[in-house]
Amino acid sequence: MQLRHLKYWALLLVSTSITAHGQEQFDPREATVASVHNALYSGESCRNIVSAFLSRIEALDHEHINSIISLDPDSLSIASQQDALFASKNATIGPLFCVPVLLKDNLDTASLPTTSGSLALADSRPSIDAAVVKALKDAGAIILGKTNLQELALEGISVSSLGGQTINPYDADRTPGGSSGGSGASIAASFAVFSLGTDTINSVRSPASANSLFGLRPTRGLVSRAGVVPNSHTQDAVGPIARCVEDLAIALSAIASSQLDPEDNSTALVPEGIRGTDYYRDLASSSLSGKTIGVLETFFDRTMTNETEPVNDALDSMISRLQEAGARVVQIDDPMYNVNAILASCETQRFELRQEVDQYLARASLKGQHPATLQDLYSEGNSYLVLPQQYGFIKAVLKGSTQDLEYEAVLNNIKDLTMHLHDTFKTNHLDAIIYPQQRNLPVRIGAASQHGRNGILAGVTGFPSLALPAGFSSATETAAIGIPIGLELMGLPWTEAKLLQMAHEIQALTQIRKPPVWAGRHIPVRDYATVPSVMPKGANSIPPAYPLGVLL
């Protein structure tokens, strides 16, 4: 039996519980790639491992977080096939063999609808897997299902007309970040080993921050976006969300483009020596000592409020820990790095979204019933959700075009900002830049927007950025162990290996992550004949502040 890339054998964690008969049984709580493989080599079946995660989803999702839109009906049969392969003793199997994974529901899957959270796309059926989904399957991963998101990934509240409102697993009064909020909340709850999200401005890093997780937005071009419901060719990215850096590195190794993808020309940007990188292999080979880290002071909100003080305290404490570990910290107080100004001058969705979505909807490989264009999707008679403040944005998008004169000016602004960011790294001899992912705690359910997020800098420049846990607020009546706080660690393009090494060192140094209280509940593993039906709550879980309607 050859299990490629199991160089992390020494890090295997025993992930078992004891049954009523005294036998060890796989325990999915806080499970990792390593613990799944440890269970397999200890005699557990892949089918039981998958069933353990399905049992948690069935028992806990609707009760607590409403994160799942659909479950893949093939997951149990694929697990049985993998059991047969594993039993053959002479097969070469992939680095994610039998690892259960969840996908944001804007990633195409041939076995399930791809809805982007919209009732108008409930019956839209891709016939081809997205490039990243194929890569996961080639590595041996088992797709459990699809997670809820902000409808069409257009905000960060994680509410949709199809999936309803996803809840923060640490505080039922708050959102889980977004737009990949279902992907974040589900991993915090141990519904899979890791998930994939998409990130146009904040959408992988925001839910990682809000759920005490690790999330990576890769350099533009490193991971193909082919088969993803698009928002912006300039800004879109696909990235993993996980409970530990090790799994983040293994996931990135699997989904990073191994060759030019003709359906995503950004993959042509990948330089020699980067393709095929094993991001896990040298994960523990670096140290924070001697690293120079810039602190982006303009990305903090230093006002004294209950929503901002916990963030500032956590980041200041983290900076002190980095210095104690031997890192050199440089304060960057540059007015060029102003989030609101960057959003106003560099954001490309309003020009690119309509054309990108229209092209996606017109693909011959997209089957099932679905609108022909974005205009049709938002036509009268379609039920859909849009946050009230987005009506003006959607109307502008429906008229927007890359032929607009303003679009060229926006691209030039991005070019200037990108050059300035390169200069900041060079002038200060930086290995990375850090800042809070969100200047305040995740917003409460019913808020108008997920304000205070800082992801736009990486979103428009294409630099890689890794979100990781920085701390928790104090406990409250609704947050028994406090509310997660995250930071972003940004590097130069193609330095994912360095960022992951630094994050690995920070993880070992601080050990901040802890699961939600209710997620510690033991769920007996059911012996499923077929995958259970898990229907999203939909409109029943949408707060009154987010009305269903049509854009007139």
Protein backbone atom coordinates (compact mmCIF):
# COMPACT_ATOMS: atom_id res chain seq x y z
CA MET A 1 0.00 0.00 0.00
CA GLN A 2 1.48 3.36 -1.03
CA LEU A 3 -0.06 6.45 0.57
CA ARG A 4 1.69 9.40 -1.03
CA HIS A 5 2.63 12.47 1.01
CA LEU A 6 2.18 10.83 4.41
CA LYS A 7 5.39 12.55 5.57
CA TYR A 8 3.29 13.93 8.40
CA TRP A 9 2.97 10.45 9.98
CA ALA A 10 4.74 11.65 13.12
CA LEU A 11 2.01 14.26 13.61
CA LEU A 12 -0.85 11.78 13.48
CA LEU A 13 -3.46 12.40 16.13
CA VAL A 14 -5.51 9.56 17.51
CA SER A 15 -9.10 10.54 16.85
CA THR A 16 -11.25 7.91 18.47
CA SER A 17 -13.98 7.48 21.01
CA ILE A 18 -15.09 4.42 22.92
CA THR A 19 -18.33 2.69 21.99
CA ALA A 20 -20.70 1.05 24.46
CA HIS A 21 -18.98 -2.27 23.68
CA GLY A 22 -15.53 -0.93 24.59
CA GLN A 23 -14.33 -0.70 20.99
CA GLU A 24 -12.61 2.34 19.61
CA GLN A 25 -14.62 4.31 17.04
CA PHE A 26 -13.53 7.18 14.82
CA ASP A 27 -14.28 10.56 16.40
CA PRO A 28 -14.72 13.38 13.86
CA ARG A 29 -14.45 16.19 16.42
CA GLU A 30 -11.44 18.36 15.44
CA ALA A 31 -10.34 15.59 13.06
CA THR A 32 -7.46 16.24 10.67
CA VAL A 33 -6.13 14.68 7.49
CA ALA A 34 -3.62 12.89 9.66
CA SER A 35 -6.16 11.53 12.13
CA VAL A 36 -8.38 10.24 9.31
CA HIS A 37 -5.45 8.31 7.89
CA ASN A 38 -4.45 7.13 11.35
CA ALA A 39 -7.98 5.74 11.79
CA LEU A 40 -7.79 3.96 8.42
CA TYR A 41 -4.47 2.33 9.30
CA SER A 42 -5.91 1.38 12.70
CA GLY A 43 -8.68 -0.61 11.05
CA GLU A 44 -11.53 1.90 10.72
CA SER A 45 -13.46 1.84 7.46
CA CYS A 46 -13.74 4.84 5.18
CA ARG A 47 -17.50 4.35 5.14
CA ASN A 48 -17.65 4.70 8.94
CA ILE A 49 -15.49 7.81 8.81
CA VAL A 50 -17.82 9.43 6.29
CA SER A 51 -20.83 8.27 8.32
CA ALA A 52 -19.38 9.91 11.43
CA PHE A 53 -19.36 13.31 9.72
CA LEU A 54 -22.80 12.77 8.19
CA SER A 55 -24.13 11.90 11.65
CA ARG A 56 -22.86 15.19 13.04
CA ILE A 57 -24.39 17.16 10.18
CA GLU A 58 -27.75 15.43 10.53
CA ALA A 59 -27.85 15.87 14.32
CA LEU A 60 -26.38 19.35 14.75
CA ASP A 61 -26.58 21.54 11.68
CA HIS A 62 -30.23 22.61 11.78
CA GLU A 63 -30.16 22.85 15.55
CA HIS A 64 -27.19 25.23 15.69
CA ILE A 65 -25.81 26.83 12.53
CA ASN A 66 -27.73 26.03 9.30
CA SER A 67 -24.57 25.72 7.23
CA ILE A 68 -25.38 22.92 4.75
CA ILE A 69 -27.34 23.37 1.52
CA SER A 70 -27.01 19.82 0.13
CA LEU A 71 -25.27 16.49 0.74
CA ASP A 72 -23.69 14.44 -2.03
CA PRO A 73 -25.70 11.22 -2.54
CA ASP A 74 -22.57 9.47 -3.84
CA SER A 75 -20.38 10.04 -0.77
CA LEU A 76 -21.14 6.75 0.98
CA SER A 77 -20.76 4.63 -2.16
CA ILE A 78 -17.45 6.36 -2.93
CA ALA A 79 -16.32 5.60 0.62
CA SER A 80 -17.16 1.92 0.10
CA GLN A 81 -15.17 1.94 -3.14
CA GLN A 82 -12.22 3.43 -1.29
CA ASP A 83 -12.50 0.72 1.37
CA ALA A 84 -12.18 -1.90 -1.36
CA LEU A 85 -9.19 -0.05 -2.82
CA PHE A 86 -7.53 0.23 0.58
CA ALA A 87 -8.09 -3.47 1.22
CA SER A 88 -6.30 -4.39 -2.01
CA LYS A 89 -2.97 -3.55 -0.29
CA ASN A 90 -1.15 -2.68 -3.52
CA ALA A 91 -2.88 0.47 -4.72
CA THR A 92 -1.32 3.91 -4.97
CA ILE A 93 -3.73 6.30 -3.32
CA GLY A 94 -3.75 10.06 -2.97
CA PRO A 95 -2.79 12.39 -0.12
CA LEU A 96 -6.46 13.15 0.65
CA PHE A 97 -7.63 9.55 0.51
CA CYS A 98 -10.98 9.25 2.36
CA VAL A 99 -10.77 12.82 3.66
CA PRO A 100 -14.31 14.29 3.90
CA VAL A 101 -14.51 17.80 2.41
CA LEU A 102 -17.30 20.40 2.07
CA LEU A 103 -17.59 22.91 -0.78
CA LYS A 104 -19.06 26.38 -0.97
CA ASP A 105 -22.11 26.10 -3.21
CA ASN A 106 -20.68 28.22 -6.00
CA LEU A 107 -18.17 25.50 -6.98
CA ASP A 108 -19.46 23.27 -9.77
CA THR A 109 -20.12 19.63 -8.98
CA ALA A 110 -21.51 17.17 -11.51
CA SER A 111 -23.27 15.19 -8.75
CA LEU A 112 -25.16 18.14 -7.20
CA PRO A 113 -26.78 21.41 -8.25
CA THR A 114 -24.63 24.53 -7.97
CA THR A 115 -26.93 27.21 -6.65
CA SER A 116 -24.79 30.05 -5.30
CA GLY A 117 -27.50 30.21 -2.63
CA SER A 118 -30.16 31.49 -5.04
CA LEU A 119 -33.63 30.02 -5.44
CA ALA A 120 -33.34 31.01 -9.10
CA LEU A 121 -30.44 28.54 -9.46
CA ALA A 122 -31.91 25.72 -7.36
CA ASP A 123 -32.15 23.42 -10.39
CA SER A 124 -28.97 24.51 -12.17
CA ARG A 125 -26.92 21.36 -12.84
CA PRO A 126 -23.32 21.50 -14.01
CA SER A 127 -22.22 18.40 -15.90
CA ILE A 128 -18.50 18.96 -15.20
CA ASP A 129 -16.73 19.38 -11.87
CA ALA A 130 -14.89 22.63 -11.20
CA ALA A 131 -11.12 22.33 -11.61
CA VAL A 132 -10.53 22.42 -7.86
CA VAL A 133 -13.23 19.80 -7.25
CA LYS A 134 -11.60 17.47 -9.78
CA ALA A 135 -8.23 18.08 -8.10
CA LEU A 136 -9.66 17.14 -4.71
CA LYS A 137 -11.21 13.96 -6.09
CA ASP A 138 -7.97 13.05 -7.89
CA ALA A 139 -6.21 13.37 -4.51
CA GLY A 140 -8.75 10.96 -2.98
CA ALA A 141 -11.01 13.41 -1.11
CA ILE A 142 -14.69 12.58 -0.63
CA ILE A 143 -17.07 15.47 -1.24
CA LEU A 144 -19.70 15.41 1.50
CA GLY A 145 -21.80 18.26 0.15
CA LYS A 146 -22.25 21.98 -0.40
CA THR A 147 -22.37 24.83 2.12
CA ASN A 148 -24.46 27.97 2.40
CA LEU A 149 -23.09 31.35 1.39
CA GLN A 150 -24.07 34.92 0.89
CA GLU A 151 -26.32 34.79 -2.16
CA LEU A 152 -24.14 35.05 -5.30
CA ALA A 153 -21.26 35.81 -2.90
CA LEU A 154 -22.17 39.51 -2.95
CA GLU A 155 -21.83 40.33 0.77
CA GLY A 156 -20.45 38.94 3.99
CA ILE A 157 -23.53 38.13 6.08
CA SER A 158 -23.97 34.53 4.77
CA VAL A 159 -27.71 34.68 4.15
CA SER A 160 -29.38 33.40 0.98
CA SER A 161 -32.84 32.79 -0.42
CA LEU A 162 -32.12 29.06 -0.78
CA GLY A 163 -30.10 28.42 2.37
CA GLY A 164 -31.40 31.06 4.75
CA GLN A 165 -29.19 32.54 7.47
CA THR A 166 -26.07 30.70 8.64
CA ILE A 167 -25.27 31.29 12.31
CA ASN A 168 -21.91 31.88 13.96
CA PRO A 169 -21.18 28.69 15.95
CA TYR A 170 -19.58 30.68 18.78
CA ASP A 171 -22.37 33.24 19.20
CA ALA A 172 -25.88 32.55 17.93
CA ASP A 173 -26.55 36.31 17.77
CA ARG A 174 -23.83 36.90 15.18
CA THR A 175 -23.06 36.08 11.58
CA PRO A 176 -20.25 33.65 10.65
CA GLY A 177 -18.54 36.14 8.34
CA GLY A 178 -18.88 35.61 4.63
CA SER A 179 -19.50 35.15 1.90
CA SER A 180 -18.16 31.62 2.57
CA GLY A 181 -19.87 31.58 5.95
CA GLY A 182 -21.26 28.07 5.59
CA SER A 183 -17.81 26.77 4.73
CA GLY A 184 -16.37 28.41 7.84
CA ALA A 185 -19.13 27.56 10.32
CA SER A 186 -19.27 23.92 9.20
CA ILE A 187 -15.53 23.41 9.72
CA ALA A 188 -15.61 25.07 13.14
CA ALA A 189 -18.34 22.52 13.98
CA SER A 190 -16.29 19.56 12.65
CA PHE A 191 -18.72 18.68 9.86
CA ALA A 192 -15.74 17.88 7.58
CA VAL A 193 -11.95 17.95 7.76
CA PHE A 194 -11.68 21.10 5.67
CA SER A 195 -13.71 23.09 3.18
CA LEU A 196 -13.19 25.22 0.11
CA GLY A 197 -14.47 28.77 -0.20
CA THR A 198 -14.12 31.55 -2.72
CA ASP A 199 -12.74 35.01 -2.06
CA THR A 200 -13.44 38.14 -4.14
CA ILE A 201 -12.79 40.71 -1.41
CA ASN A 202 -12.83 38.91 1.98
CA SER A 203 -14.79 35.73 1.54
CA VAL A 204 -12.35 32.97 2.56
CA ARG A 205 -10.53 34.99 5.19
CA SER A 206 -13.62 36.56 6.78
CA PRO A 207 -15.25 33.24 7.84
CA ALA A 208 -11.85 31.88 8.90
CA SER A 209 -11.44 34.91 11.16
CA ALA A 210 -15.01 34.74 12.50
CA ASN A 211 -14.78 30.99 13.27
CA SER A 212 -11.27 30.61 14.78
CA LEU A 213 -9.95 28.89 11.65
CA PHE A 214 -7.15 29.11 9.11
CA GLY A 215 -8.06 30.32 5.62
CA LEU A 216 -5.87 31.06 2.63
CA ARG A 217 -6.47 33.31 -0.34
CA PRO A 218 -3.71 32.24 -2.78
CA THR A 219 -1.77 34.36 -5.24
CA ARG A 220 -3.84 35.12 -8.34
CA GLY A 221 -3.25 32.26 -10.79
CA LEU A 222 -2.04 29.62 -8.35
CA VAL A 223 -5.47 27.94 -8.15
CA SER A 224 -7.80 27.68 -11.15
CA ARG A 225 -11.21 29.36 -10.95
CA ALA A 226 -12.65 27.30 -13.82
CA GLY A 227 -16.11 26.04 -12.90
CA VAL A 228 -16.76 28.65 -10.22
CA VAL A 229 -19.81 30.94 -10.32
CA PRO A 230 -17.87 34.15 -10.95
CA ASN A 231 -17.95 37.67 -9.55
CA SER A 232 -14.80 39.25 -10.93
CA HIS A 233 -12.07 37.86 -13.17
CA THR A 234 -9.66 40.34 -11.59
CA GLN A 235 -10.44 39.53 -7.97
CA ASP A 236 -11.88 36.01 -7.65
CA ALA A 237 -9.86 33.30 -5.88
CA VAL A 238 -10.51 29.82 -4.46
CA GLY A 239 -8.95 28.80 -1.16
CA PRO A 240 -9.11 26.24 1.66
CA ILE A 241 -10.47 26.74 5.19
CA ALA A 242 -9.22 24.38 7.91
CA ARG A 243 -8.80 23.92 11.64
CA CYS A 244 -5.00 23.67 11.47
CA VAL A 245 -2.17 24.89 9.27
CA GLU A 246 -1.12 21.34 8.39
CA ASP A 247 -4.45 20.63 6.69
CA LEU A 248 -4.39 24.02 4.99
CA ALA A 249 -1.01 23.18 3.45
CA ILE A 250 -2.09 19.70 2.34
CA ALA A 251 -5.28 21.11 0.79
CA LEU A 252 -3.39 23.83 -1.07
CA SER A 253 -0.93 21.27 -2.44
CA ALA A 254 -3.87 19.34 -3.86
CA ILE A 255 -5.75 22.22 -5.50
CA ALA A 256 -2.85 24.35 -6.78
CA SER A 257 -2.78 24.28 -10.60
CA SER A 258 -0.31 21.69 -11.83
CA GLN A 259 -0.45 23.09 -15.37
CA LEU A 260 -1.96 25.89 -17.42
CA ASP A 261 -5.76 25.72 -17.35
CA PRO A 262 -7.09 26.98 -20.70
CA GLU A 263 -10.38 27.93 -18.99
CA ASP A 264 -8.59 30.27 -16.58
CA ASN A 265 -5.79 32.21 -18.22
CA SER A 266 -4.59 33.57 -14.85
CA THR A 267 -2.95 30.16 -14.31
CA ALA A 268 -0.40 31.17 -16.97
CA LEU A 269 1.06 33.57 -14.39
CA VAL A 270 2.52 30.78 -12.25
CA PRO A 271 6.35 31.03 -12.46
CA GLU A 272 8.81 28.19 -12.90
CA GLY A 273 9.50 26.30 -9.71
CA ILE A 274 6.09 26.94 -8.13
CA ARG A 275 3.94 24.33 -9.87
CA GLY A 276 3.86 21.05 -8.01
CA THR A 277 5.01 22.52 -4.70
CA ASP A 278 4.36 20.32 -1.69
CA TYR A 279 3.38 22.99 0.84
CA TYR A 280 3.36 20.51 3.69
CA ARG A 281 6.87 19.11 3.21
CA ASP A 282 8.85 22.04 4.67
CA LEU A 283 6.11 23.38 6.92
CA ALA A 284 8.16 23.05 10.11
CA SER A 285 11.48 24.09 8.59
CA SER A 286 11.33 27.82 9.33
CA SER A 287 11.30 30.11 12.36
CA LEU A 288 9.84 33.49 13.22
CA SER A 289 13.24 34.51 14.56
CA GLY A 290 14.82 36.99 12.18
CA LYS A 291 11.64 37.59 10.19
CA THR A 292 10.61 41.19 9.55
CA ILE A 293 6.87 41.78 9.81
CA GLY A 294 5.10 45.00 8.93
CA VAL A 295 2.07 46.03 10.99
CA LEU A 296 -0.44 47.92 8.85
CA GLU A 297 -1.58 50.48 11.41
CA THR A 298 -4.10 52.12 9.05
CA PHE A 299 -6.07 48.85 9.04
CA PHE A 300 -6.89 49.14 12.76
CA ASP A 301 -9.84 50.94 14.33
CA ARG A 302 -8.42 52.40 17.53
CA THR A 303 -11.74 53.76 18.79
CA MET A 304 -12.76 52.51 22.23
CA THR A 305 -15.89 50.39 21.77
CA ASN A 306 -16.98 46.92 22.87
CA GLU A 307 -16.75 45.81 19.23
CA THR A 308 -13.24 47.12 18.48
CA GLU A 309 -11.30 46.87 21.77
CA PRO A 310 -11.22 43.04 21.81
CA VAL A 311 -9.75 43.06 18.30
CA ASN A 312 -7.08 45.63 19.14
CA ASP A 313 -6.16 43.85 22.37
CA ALA A 314 -5.82 40.50 20.58
CA LEU A 315 -3.70 41.92 17.76
CA ASP A 316 -1.47 43.91 20.12
CA SER A 317 -0.94 40.77 22.20
CA MET A 318 -0.11 38.78 19.08
CA ILE A 319 2.41 41.40 17.94
CA SER A 320 4.13 41.15 21.34
CA ARG A 321 4.27 37.36 21.03
CA LEU A 322 5.85 37.65 17.58
CA GLN A 323 8.50 39.97 18.97
CA GLU A 324 9.17 37.59 21.86
CA ALA A 325 9.68 34.84 19.28
CA GLY A 326 12.42 36.89 17.61
CA ALA A 327 10.52 38.64 14.84
CA ARG A 328 11.32 42.25 14.01
CA VAL A 329 8.16 44.38 13.82
CA VAL A 330 7.93 47.49 11.64
CA GLN A 331 5.00 49.90 11.92
CA ILE A 332 3.53 50.83 8.51
CA ASP A 333 1.45 54.00 8.80
CA ASP A 334 0.88 54.79 5.13
CA PRO A 335 -2.23 56.71 4.00
CA MET A 336 -2.16 54.76 0.72
CA TYR A 337 -3.53 51.81 2.71
CA ASN A 338 -7.02 53.10 3.38
CA VAL A 339 -9.70 50.43 3.07
CA ASN A 340 -12.54 52.76 2.10
CA ALA A 341 -10.41 54.53 -0.49
CA ILE A 342 -9.26 51.21 -2.00
CA LEU A 343 -12.84 49.95 -2.19
CA ALA A 344 -13.93 53.15 -3.93
CA SER A 345 -11.06 53.31 -6.44
CA CYS A 346 -10.04 49.71 -7.15
CA GLU A 347 -13.06 47.39 -6.84
CA THR A 348 -13.90 45.73 -10.19
CA GLN A 349 -17.10 43.73 -9.56
CA ARG A 350 -19.44 46.45 -10.77
CA PHE A 351 -17.81 46.29 -14.21
CA GLU A 352 -17.04 42.58 -14.53
CA LEU A 353 -19.82 40.71 -12.70
CA ARG A 354 -22.60 40.87 -15.28
CA GLN A 355 -20.41 39.71 -18.16
CA GLU A 356 -18.75 37.00 -16.07
CA VAL A 357 -22.06 35.57 -14.82
CA ASP A 358 -23.63 35.75 -18.29
CA GLN A 359 -20.74 33.71 -19.69
CA TYR A 360 -21.06 31.17 -16.89
CA LEU A 361 -24.81 30.76 -17.43
CA ALA A 362 -24.34 30.35 -21.20
CA ARG A 363 -21.92 27.40 -20.97
CA ALA A 364 -23.01 24.30 -22.85
CA SER A 365 -21.94 22.13 -19.90
CA LEU A 366 -24.45 23.83 -17.58
CA LYS A 367 -27.62 21.74 -17.61
CA GLY A 368 -30.88 21.89 -15.72
CA GLN A 369 -33.24 24.82 -15.39
CA HIS A 370 -31.53 28.15 -14.83
CA PRO A 371 -31.73 31.79 -15.94
CA ALA A 372 -29.95 32.59 -19.19
CA THR A 373 -28.41 35.83 -17.92
CA LEU A 374 -27.91 37.84 -14.74
CA GLN A 375 -30.69 40.14 -15.93
CA ASP A 376 -33.01 37.12 -16.12
CA LEU A 377 -31.94 35.97 -12.68
CA TYR A 378 -33.00 39.32 -11.24
CA SER A 379 -36.15 39.65 -13.32
CA GLU A 380 -39.62 40.06 -11.85
CA GLY A 381 -41.15 36.71 -10.95
CA ASN A 382 -37.92 35.20 -9.63
CA SER A 383 -37.72 34.83 -5.87
CA TYR A 384 -34.31 35.87 -4.65
CA LEU A 385 -32.71 37.65 -1.78
CA VAL A 386 -30.70 40.83 -1.89
CA LEU A 387 -29.77 42.97 1.08
CA PRO A 388 -31.61 46.31 0.93
CA GLN A 389 -28.45 48.35 0.52
CA GLN A 390 -27.46 46.24 -2.50
CA TYR A 391 -30.38 47.21 -4.73
CA GLY A 392 -28.43 50.16 -6.10
CA PHE A 393 -25.34 48.01 -6.56
CA ILE A 394 -27.24 45.34 -8.52
CA LYS A 395 -28.84 47.96 -10.76
CA ALA A 396 -25.38 49.39 -11.48
CA VAL A 397 -23.97 45.91 -12.16
CA LEU A 398 -26.73 45.17 -14.67
CA LYS A 399 -25.60 48.23 -16.62
CA GLY A 400 -21.87 47.80 -15.98
CA SER A 401 -19.32 46.70 -18.56
CA THR A 402 -15.59 46.32 -19.00
CA GLN A 403 -16.02 48.74 -21.89
CA ASP A 404 -16.82 51.57 -19.47
CA LEU A 405 -14.19 54.32 -19.46
CA GLU A 406 -14.07 54.20 -15.66
CA TYR A 407 -13.03 50.53 -15.76
CA GLU A 408 -9.66 51.37 -17.33
CA ALA A 409 -9.07 53.95 -14.60
CA VAL A 410 -9.86 51.34 -11.93
CA LEU A 411 -7.35 48.89 -13.47
CA ASN A 412 -4.72 51.63 -13.46
CA ASN A 413 -5.49 52.34 -9.81
CA ILE A 414 -4.96 48.66 -9.03
CA LYS A 415 -1.65 48.71 -10.89
CA ASP A 416 -0.48 51.73 -8.88
CA LEU A 417 -1.56 50.14 -5.58
CA THR A 418 0.16 46.87 -6.48
CA MET A 419 3.43 48.66 -7.28
CA HIS A 420 3.17 50.61 -4.03
CA LEU A 421 2.65 47.39 -2.07
CA HIS A 422 5.73 45.83 -3.72
CA ASP A 423 7.69 48.96 -2.75
CA THR A 424 6.47 48.71 0.85
CA PHE A 425 7.79 45.14 1.08
CA LYS A 426 11.09 46.08 -0.56
CA THR A 427 11.75 49.33 1.33
CA ASN A 428 11.10 47.78 4.72
CA HIS A 429 12.68 44.39 3.89
CA LEU A 430 9.46 42.65 4.91
CA ASP A 431 8.75 38.95 5.01
CA ALA A 432 5.05 39.60 5.63
CA ILE A 433 2.49 42.21 6.64
CA ILE A 434 -0.10 41.67 9.37
CA TYR A 435 -3.35 43.39 10.28
CA PRO A 436 -6.73 42.42 11.73
CA GLN A 437 -8.95 40.67 9.21
CA GLN A 438 -11.85 42.64 10.67
CA ARG A 439 -11.44 45.82 12.70
CA ASN A 440 -14.42 44.87 14.86
CA LEU A 441 -16.12 41.66 15.96
CA PRO A 442 -18.29 39.82 13.40
CA VAL A 443 -21.55 41.73 13.04
CA ARG A 444 -24.81 40.67 14.59
CA ILE A 445 -27.51 38.96 12.54
CA GLY A 446 -29.69 41.63 10.97
CA ALA A 447 -26.82 44.08 10.39
CA ALA A 448 -26.76 45.86 7.04
CA SER A 449 -23.27 44.67 6.10
CA GLN A 450 -20.18 42.87 7.40
CA HIS A 451 -18.41 46.17 7.98
CA GLY A 452 -14.85 46.60 9.17
CA ARG A 453 -13.15 43.97 7.02
CA ASN A 454 -9.70 44.52 5.50
CA GLY A 455 -9.52 41.90 2.76
CA ILE A 456 -9.69 44.30 -0.18
CA LEU A 457 -5.92 44.88 -0.34
CA ALA A 458 -5.17 41.25 -1.22
CA GLY A 459 -8.39 41.04 -3.22
CA VAL A 460 -7.38 43.61 -5.81
CA THR A 461 -3.57 43.22 -5.82
CA GLY A 462 -3.60 39.42 -6.03
CA PHE A 463 -1.09 39.03 -3.18
CA PRO A 464 -1.54 35.89 -1.04
CA SER A 465 -3.04 36.35 2.41
CA LEU A 466 -3.59 33.84 5.19
CA ALA A 467 -6.12 34.37 7.97
CA LEU A 468 -5.43 32.71 11.30
CA PRO A 469 -6.79 32.83 14.86
CA ALA A 470 -5.56 35.78 16.93
CA GLY A 471 -7.75 35.44 20.01
CA PHE A 472 -11.24 35.65 21.47
CA SER A 473 -13.29 38.40 23.01
CA SER A 474 -14.48 38.02 26.59
CA ALA A 475 -17.34 35.58 27.15
CA THR A 476 -20.88 36.96 26.98
CA GLU A 477 -24.35 35.59 27.64
CA THR A 478 -24.56 34.40 24.02
CA ALA A 479 -20.87 33.54 23.51
CA ALA A 480 -19.81 31.08 26.18
CA ILE A 481 -16.11 31.16 25.32
CA GLY A 482 -16.05 34.51 23.55
CA ILE A 483 -16.12 35.54 19.90
CA PRO A 484 -13.24 34.62 17.57
CA ILE A 485 -10.82 37.28 16.32
CA GLY A 486 -8.54 36.72 13.34
CA LEU A 487 -5.54 38.36 11.74
CA GLU A 488 -4.28 38.33 8.19
CA LEU A 489 -0.71 37.46 7.27
CA MET A 490 0.04 38.81 3.78
CA GLY A 491 3.09 37.98 1.68
CA LEU A 492 4.56 38.72 -1.71
CA PRO A 493 3.15 36.81 -4.70
CA TRP A 494 4.06 33.10 -4.80
CA THR A 495 5.26 33.05 -1.16
CA GLU A 496 2.51 30.72 0.11
CA ALA A 497 5.18 28.34 1.43
CA LYS A 498 6.68 31.07 3.60
CA LEU A 499 3.28 32.25 4.83
CA LEU A 500 2.29 28.72 5.78
CA GLN A 501 5.59 28.20 7.60
CA MET A 502 5.09 31.41 9.57
CA ALA A 503 1.49 30.50 10.35
CA HIS A 504 2.63 27.06 11.49
CA GLU A 505 5.07 28.67 13.90
CA ILE A 506 2.41 31.08 15.18
CA GLN A 507 -0.02 28.18 15.63
CA ALA A 508 2.52 26.29 17.75
CA LEU A 509 3.45 29.41 19.69
CA THR A 510 -0.05 30.61 20.56
CA GLN A 511 -2.40 27.57 20.32
CA ILE A 512 -5.41 29.89 20.16
CA ARG A 513 -8.00 27.83 18.32
CA LYS A 514 -10.71 26.16 20.37
CA PRO A 515 -13.99 24.62 19.13
CA PRO A 516 -17.47 25.93 19.89
CA VAL A 517 -18.87 24.58 23.17
CA TRP A 518 -21.78 22.72 21.60
CA ALA A 519 -19.50 21.17 18.96
CA GLY A 520 -17.89 19.08 21.70
CA ARG A 521 -21.06 17.01 21.94
CA HIS A 522 -20.56 13.35 21.06
CA ILE A 523 -22.87 12.15 18.28
CA PRO A 524 -23.32 8.38 17.87
CA VAL A 525 -22.38 7.23 14.38
CA ARG A 526 -25.34 5.99 12.36
CA ASP A 527 -25.01 3.09 9.95
CA TYR A 528 -26.45 4.78 6.87
CA ALA A 529 -27.77 2.83 3.92
CA THR A 530 -28.03 6.07 1.93
CA VAL A 531 -26.93 9.63 2.52
CA PRO A 532 -29.45 11.43 4.77
CA SER A 533 -31.56 14.23 3.36
CA VAL A 534 -30.59 17.60 4.84
CA MET A 535 -32.76 20.42 3.58
CA PRO A 536 -31.68 24.02 4.23
CA LYS A 537 -34.05 26.17 6.26
CA GLY A 538 -34.27 28.68 3.44
CA ALA A 539 -36.61 31.63 3.83
CA ASN A 540 -37.72 30.35 7.26
CA SER A 541 -34.37 31.40 8.73
CA ILE A 542 -34.04 34.81 7.08
CA PRO A 543 -34.31 37.69 9.57
CA PRO A 544 -37.00 40.30 8.78
CA ALA A 545 -34.25 42.80 7.99
CA TYR A 546 -33.38 40.72 4.91
CA PRO A 547 -36.62 40.56 2.88
CA LEU A 548 -37.21 38.21 -0.01
CA GLY A 549 -38.34 40.03 -3.10
CA VAL A 550 -37.66 40.93 -6.69
CA LEU A 551 -35.63 43.73 -8.19
CA LEU A 552 -37.97 45.95 -10.16
